[in-house]
Each structure stands twice: as C-alpha cells, then as structure tokens.
N, C-alpha and C. Protein backbone atom coordinates (compact mmCIF):
# COMPACT_ATOMS: atom_id res chain seq x y z
N MET A 1 -61.78 71.16 -21.88
CA MET A 1 -60.73 70.95 -20.89
C MET A 1 -60.09 72.29 -20.50
N GLY A 2 -59.85 73.16 -21.47
CA GLY A 2 -59.25 74.45 -21.18
C GLY A 2 -60.11 75.29 -20.26
N ARG A 3 -61.42 75.23 -20.46
CA ARG A 3 -62.34 75.99 -19.62
C ARG A 3 -62.31 75.48 -18.18
N LEU A 4 -62.18 74.16 -18.02
CA LEU A 4 -62.10 73.56 -16.69
C LEU A 4 -60.83 74.02 -15.97
N ILE A 5 -59.72 74.00 -16.68
CA ILE A 5 -58.46 74.43 -16.08
C ILE A 5 -58.53 75.91 -15.69
N ARG A 6 -59.10 76.74 -16.57
CA ARG A 6 -59.21 78.17 -16.28
C ARG A 6 -60.10 78.40 -15.05
N THR A 7 -61.18 77.66 -14.97
CA THR A 7 -62.08 77.81 -13.82
C THR A 7 -61.38 77.42 -12.53
N CYS A 8 -60.65 76.31 -12.55
CA CYS A 8 -59.93 75.86 -11.35
C CYS A 8 -58.88 76.88 -10.94
N GLU A 9 -58.12 77.39 -11.91
CA GLU A 9 -57.09 78.38 -11.59
C GLU A 9 -57.72 79.64 -11.00
N HIS A 10 -58.82 80.06 -11.56
CA HIS A 10 -59.49 81.27 -11.08
C HIS A 10 -60.01 81.07 -9.65
N GLU A 11 -60.64 79.95 -9.39
CA GLU A 11 -61.20 79.70 -8.07
C GLU A 11 -60.12 79.52 -7.01
N TRP A 12 -59.01 78.89 -7.37
CA TRP A 12 -57.96 78.61 -6.38
C TRP A 12 -57.09 79.82 -6.09
N THR A 13 -57.04 80.77 -7.00
CA THR A 13 -56.14 81.91 -6.81
C THR A 13 -56.88 83.23 -6.62
N GLN A 14 -58.17 83.23 -6.58
CA GLN A 14 -58.93 84.47 -6.57
C GLN A 14 -58.72 85.30 -5.30
N HIS A 15 -58.71 84.70 -4.15
CA HIS A 15 -58.68 85.46 -2.91
C HIS A 15 -57.33 85.41 -2.19
N ILE A 16 -56.28 85.03 -2.88
CA ILE A 16 -54.96 85.01 -2.25
C ILE A 16 -54.54 86.45 -1.97
N GLY A 17 -54.14 86.72 -0.76
CA GLY A 17 -53.72 88.06 -0.38
C GLY A 17 -54.80 88.86 0.33
N ASP A 18 -56.00 88.33 0.40
CA ASP A 18 -57.06 89.05 1.09
C ASP A 18 -56.81 89.11 2.59
N ILE A 19 -56.17 88.09 3.12
CA ILE A 19 -55.85 88.06 4.55
C ILE A 19 -54.36 88.28 4.67
N SER A 20 -53.97 89.40 5.23
CA SER A 20 -52.55 89.69 5.41
C SER A 20 -52.37 90.34 6.78
N PRO A 21 -51.20 90.17 7.38
CA PRO A 21 -50.97 90.73 8.70
C PRO A 21 -50.98 92.26 8.66
N GLN A 22 -51.57 92.86 9.67
CA GLN A 22 -51.68 94.32 9.73
C GLN A 22 -50.75 94.93 10.76
N THR A 23 -50.45 94.21 11.83
CA THR A 23 -49.62 94.75 12.90
C THR A 23 -48.14 94.49 12.61
N PRO A 24 -47.25 95.29 13.16
CA PRO A 24 -45.82 95.04 12.96
C PRO A 24 -45.39 93.65 13.45
N LEU A 25 -45.96 93.19 14.57
CA LEU A 25 -45.63 91.86 15.06
C LEU A 25 -46.09 90.79 14.08
N GLY A 26 -47.28 90.94 13.55
CA GLY A 26 -47.80 89.98 12.57
C GLY A 26 -46.97 89.97 11.30
N LYS A 27 -46.55 91.14 10.84
CA LYS A 27 -45.72 91.22 9.64
C LYS A 27 -44.36 90.57 9.87
N ALA A 28 -43.78 90.79 11.06
CA ALA A 28 -42.49 90.19 11.39
C ALA A 28 -42.62 88.67 11.46
N LEU A 29 -43.69 88.18 12.08
CA LEU A 29 -43.91 86.74 12.18
C LEU A 29 -44.12 86.13 10.80
N ALA A 30 -44.88 86.80 9.95
CA ALA A 30 -45.12 86.30 8.59
C ALA A 30 -43.81 86.26 7.80
N SER A 31 -42.97 87.27 7.96
CA SER A 31 -41.68 87.29 7.27
C SER A 31 -40.79 86.15 7.75
N LEU A 32 -40.77 85.93 9.05
CA LEU A 32 -39.98 84.85 9.61
C LEU A 32 -40.45 83.49 9.09
N LEU A 33 -41.76 83.31 9.03
CA LEU A 33 -42.31 82.04 8.53
C LEU A 33 -42.00 81.85 7.04
N MET A 34 -42.00 82.94 6.26
CA MET A 34 -41.64 82.83 4.84
C MET A 34 -40.20 82.40 4.68
N ILE A 35 -39.30 83.01 5.44
CA ILE A 35 -37.88 82.66 5.36
C ILE A 35 -37.67 81.22 5.80
N LEU A 36 -38.35 80.80 6.85
CA LEU A 36 -38.26 79.43 7.32
C LEU A 36 -38.75 78.46 6.23
N GLY A 37 -39.81 78.82 5.56
CA GLY A 37 -40.34 77.98 4.47
C GLY A 37 -39.35 77.84 3.34
N TYR A 38 -38.69 78.93 2.96
CA TYR A 38 -37.66 78.85 1.91
C TYR A 38 -36.51 77.97 2.38
N GLY A 39 -36.12 78.09 3.64
CA GLY A 39 -35.03 77.28 4.17
C GLY A 39 -35.34 75.80 4.17
N ILE A 40 -36.59 75.46 4.43
CA ILE A 40 -36.99 74.06 4.45
C ILE A 40 -36.82 73.45 3.06
N ILE A 41 -36.96 74.25 2.02
CA ILE A 41 -36.77 73.76 0.66
C ILE A 41 -35.30 73.84 0.26
N ALA A 42 -34.63 74.96 0.58
CA ALA A 42 -33.29 75.22 0.07
C ALA A 42 -32.22 74.34 0.71
N VAL A 43 -32.27 74.12 1.99
CA VAL A 43 -31.21 73.37 2.67
C VAL A 43 -31.14 71.91 2.19
N PRO A 44 -32.24 71.17 2.20
CA PRO A 44 -32.15 69.79 1.68
C PRO A 44 -31.75 69.75 0.20
N THR A 45 -32.22 70.71 -0.59
CA THR A 45 -31.84 70.75 -2.00
C THR A 45 -30.34 70.94 -2.14
N GLY A 46 -29.76 71.84 -1.36
CA GLY A 46 -28.32 72.06 -1.40
C GLY A 46 -27.54 70.84 -0.97
N LEU A 47 -27.99 70.18 0.09
CA LEU A 47 -27.30 68.98 0.58
C LEU A 47 -27.32 67.86 -0.46
N ILE A 48 -28.45 67.67 -1.09
CA ILE A 48 -28.56 66.64 -2.12
C ILE A 48 -27.66 66.98 -3.31
N THR A 49 -27.64 68.25 -3.70
CA THR A 49 -26.81 68.68 -4.84
C THR A 49 -25.34 68.46 -4.54
N VAL A 50 -24.90 68.80 -3.35
CA VAL A 50 -23.48 68.60 -2.98
C VAL A 50 -23.15 67.11 -3.02
N GLY A 51 -24.00 66.28 -2.47
CA GLY A 51 -23.76 64.84 -2.47
C GLY A 51 -23.68 64.27 -3.87
N LEU A 52 -24.59 64.69 -4.75
CA LEU A 52 -24.57 64.20 -6.12
C LEU A 52 -23.32 64.68 -6.87
N THR A 53 -22.91 65.92 -6.63
CA THR A 53 -21.72 66.45 -7.28
C THR A 53 -20.47 65.72 -6.82
N GLN A 54 -20.35 65.47 -5.53
CA GLN A 54 -19.19 64.73 -5.02
C GLN A 54 -19.15 63.32 -5.58
N ALA A 55 -20.30 62.67 -5.68
CA ALA A 55 -20.35 61.32 -6.24
C ALA A 55 -19.94 61.33 -7.71
N ARG A 56 -20.39 62.32 -8.46
CA ARG A 56 -20.03 62.42 -9.88
C ARG A 56 -18.55 62.65 -10.04
N LEU A 57 -17.97 63.55 -9.25
CA LEU A 57 -16.54 63.83 -9.34
C LEU A 57 -15.72 62.60 -8.98
N ALA A 58 -16.14 61.86 -7.96
CA ALA A 58 -15.43 60.65 -7.57
C ALA A 58 -15.52 59.59 -8.66
N ALA A 59 -16.68 59.47 -9.30
CA ALA A 59 -16.86 58.48 -10.35
C ALA A 59 -16.02 58.80 -11.58
N GLU A 60 -15.86 60.10 -11.86
CA GLU A 60 -15.08 60.52 -13.02
C GLU A 60 -13.60 60.62 -12.72
N GLY A 61 -13.23 60.49 -11.45
CA GLY A 61 -11.82 60.54 -11.07
C GLY A 61 -11.22 61.93 -11.18
N LEU A 62 -12.03 62.95 -11.05
CA LEU A 62 -11.51 64.32 -11.13
C LEU A 62 -10.83 64.71 -9.83
N PRO A 63 -9.74 65.47 -9.89
CA PRO A 63 -9.01 65.81 -8.67
C PRO A 63 -9.76 66.82 -7.81
N GLU A 64 -9.57 66.71 -6.52
CA GLU A 64 -10.07 67.72 -5.59
C GLU A 64 -9.13 68.91 -5.64
N SER A 65 -9.56 70.02 -5.08
CA SER A 65 -8.69 71.19 -5.01
C SER A 65 -7.50 70.87 -4.13
N GLY A 66 -6.32 71.22 -4.56
CA GLY A 66 -5.12 70.93 -3.79
C GLY A 66 -3.91 71.54 -4.46
N PRO A 67 -2.69 71.14 -4.05
CA PRO A 67 -1.48 71.72 -4.63
C PRO A 67 -1.38 71.53 -6.14
N GLU A 68 -1.89 70.37 -6.64
CA GLU A 68 -1.81 70.14 -8.08
C GLU A 68 -2.78 71.02 -8.86
N MET A 69 -3.65 71.74 -8.14
CA MET A 69 -4.63 72.61 -8.79
C MET A 69 -4.24 74.08 -8.67
N LYS A 70 -3.00 74.38 -8.30
CA LYS A 70 -2.59 75.78 -8.13
C LYS A 70 -2.38 76.42 -9.50
N CYS A 71 -2.92 77.62 -9.66
CA CYS A 71 -2.81 78.34 -10.93
C CYS A 71 -1.38 78.83 -11.12
N ARG A 72 -0.86 78.62 -12.33
CA ARG A 72 0.51 79.06 -12.63
C ARG A 72 0.60 80.58 -12.79
N ARG A 73 -0.48 81.21 -13.23
CA ARG A 73 -0.43 82.65 -13.48
C ARG A 73 -0.64 83.47 -12.21
N CYS A 74 -1.73 83.22 -11.47
CA CYS A 74 -2.05 84.08 -10.32
C CYS A 74 -1.80 83.42 -8.96
N GLY A 75 -1.58 82.11 -8.94
CA GLY A 75 -1.27 81.42 -7.69
C GLY A 75 -2.47 80.99 -6.87
N LEU A 76 -3.67 81.22 -7.35
CA LEU A 76 -4.88 80.82 -6.62
C LEU A 76 -4.90 79.30 -6.51
N ASP A 77 -5.11 78.79 -5.30
CA ASP A 77 -5.11 77.33 -5.13
C ASP A 77 -6.43 76.78 -4.61
N THR A 78 -7.45 77.60 -4.55
CA THR A 78 -8.76 77.12 -4.14
C THR A 78 -9.71 77.21 -5.33
N HIS A 79 -9.91 76.10 -5.97
CA HIS A 79 -10.78 76.02 -7.13
C HIS A 79 -11.88 75.00 -6.88
N VAL A 80 -12.92 75.10 -7.66
CA VAL A 80 -14.00 74.12 -7.60
C VAL A 80 -13.41 72.78 -8.02
N PRO A 81 -13.74 71.70 -7.31
CA PRO A 81 -13.22 70.39 -7.70
C PRO A 81 -13.55 70.10 -9.16
N GLY A 82 -12.54 69.67 -9.90
CA GLY A 82 -12.74 69.33 -11.30
C GLY A 82 -12.61 70.51 -12.25
N ALA A 83 -12.28 71.70 -11.73
CA ALA A 83 -12.17 72.87 -12.59
C ALA A 83 -11.01 72.68 -13.56
N ARG A 84 -11.18 73.18 -14.77
CA ARG A 84 -10.13 73.11 -15.78
C ARG A 84 -9.44 74.44 -15.97
N TYR A 85 -10.12 75.52 -15.54
CA TYR A 85 -9.57 76.86 -15.69
C TYR A 85 -9.67 77.61 -14.37
N CYS A 86 -8.75 78.52 -14.13
CA CYS A 86 -8.72 79.31 -12.90
C CYS A 86 -9.94 80.22 -12.85
N SER A 87 -10.58 80.27 -11.69
CA SER A 87 -11.77 81.11 -11.54
C SER A 87 -11.41 82.58 -11.40
N ARG A 88 -10.17 82.90 -11.12
CA ARG A 88 -9.75 84.29 -10.98
C ARG A 88 -9.24 84.87 -12.31
N CYS A 89 -8.33 84.15 -12.99
CA CYS A 89 -7.69 84.74 -14.18
C CYS A 89 -8.01 84.00 -15.48
N GLY A 90 -8.56 82.79 -15.42
CA GLY A 90 -8.93 82.06 -16.63
C GLY A 90 -7.84 81.19 -17.21
N GLU A 91 -6.67 81.14 -16.58
CA GLU A 91 -5.55 80.31 -17.04
C GLU A 91 -5.93 78.83 -16.91
N ALA A 92 -5.49 78.01 -17.86
CA ALA A 92 -5.72 76.55 -17.78
C ALA A 92 -4.97 76.03 -16.56
N LEU A 93 -5.65 75.20 -15.76
CA LEU A 93 -5.04 74.66 -14.55
C LEU A 93 -4.20 73.43 -14.89
N PRO A 94 -3.08 73.25 -14.18
CA PRO A 94 -2.29 72.04 -14.40
C PRO A 94 -3.02 70.84 -13.82
N GLY A 95 -2.78 69.71 -14.37
CA GLY A 95 -3.39 68.49 -13.89
C GLY A 95 -3.07 67.36 -14.83
N PRO A 96 -3.33 66.11 -14.43
CA PRO A 96 -2.95 64.97 -15.25
C PRO A 96 -3.58 65.00 -16.63
N GLU A 97 -4.85 65.43 -16.73
CA GLU A 97 -5.51 65.39 -18.02
C GLU A 97 -5.31 66.66 -18.85
N HIS A 98 -4.82 67.77 -18.23
CA HIS A 98 -4.63 69.00 -19.01
C HIS A 98 -3.17 69.40 -19.11
N GLY A 99 -2.26 68.67 -18.59
CA GLY A 99 -0.84 68.98 -18.73
C GLY A 99 -0.44 70.03 -17.79
C-alpha cells in the first residue's frame, strides 16, 4: 500500500511548475488568479465563522460590546463580544458574570 501511495504522489506532483508564465502580463494574470482563488476560499470561510461565533455568543447569553463592556482602567469600549479582559491593558471587564 505504501508503494502505491508513493507512486501516486510522485506521478501527480512530478511536473508541477514546468509550465509557468514568462511574460510580465502572464505573471500579472497568474498572480491575480492566485489571489482570486484564495479569496474564493477565504471569504465564505470568514462568513461562516462569523455566523457560527454570533450564534454561539447568543446561545451562551454573552454581552455584545457596549457601555457595560467599558474598561475601568484604560476606557477602551470596543472589545470582542464575550471578552472577559481588556484587549489593550488586560484589566478584567465589568459585566454581570464578572462583577
């Protein structure tokens, strides 16, 4: 089985990179297509992650960022929803469950 896997890996990856763009226009187009390919993966992944995080926070009843989440030490009032400590200074944030 190991020999079969090694043979398949060798055959499928042997000539990758043999064909590459040579002209500046071709290189620019290839770069654009690579970035577009990453975006096709990254954007839906980010949207799904945000949706799942918001659903989890709502299910756990964690507070959104707001006046009750203002740091007593440095005054920062924009924190990640559900944060327990200030992202700037590390002070424990006020809230119903942390006092």
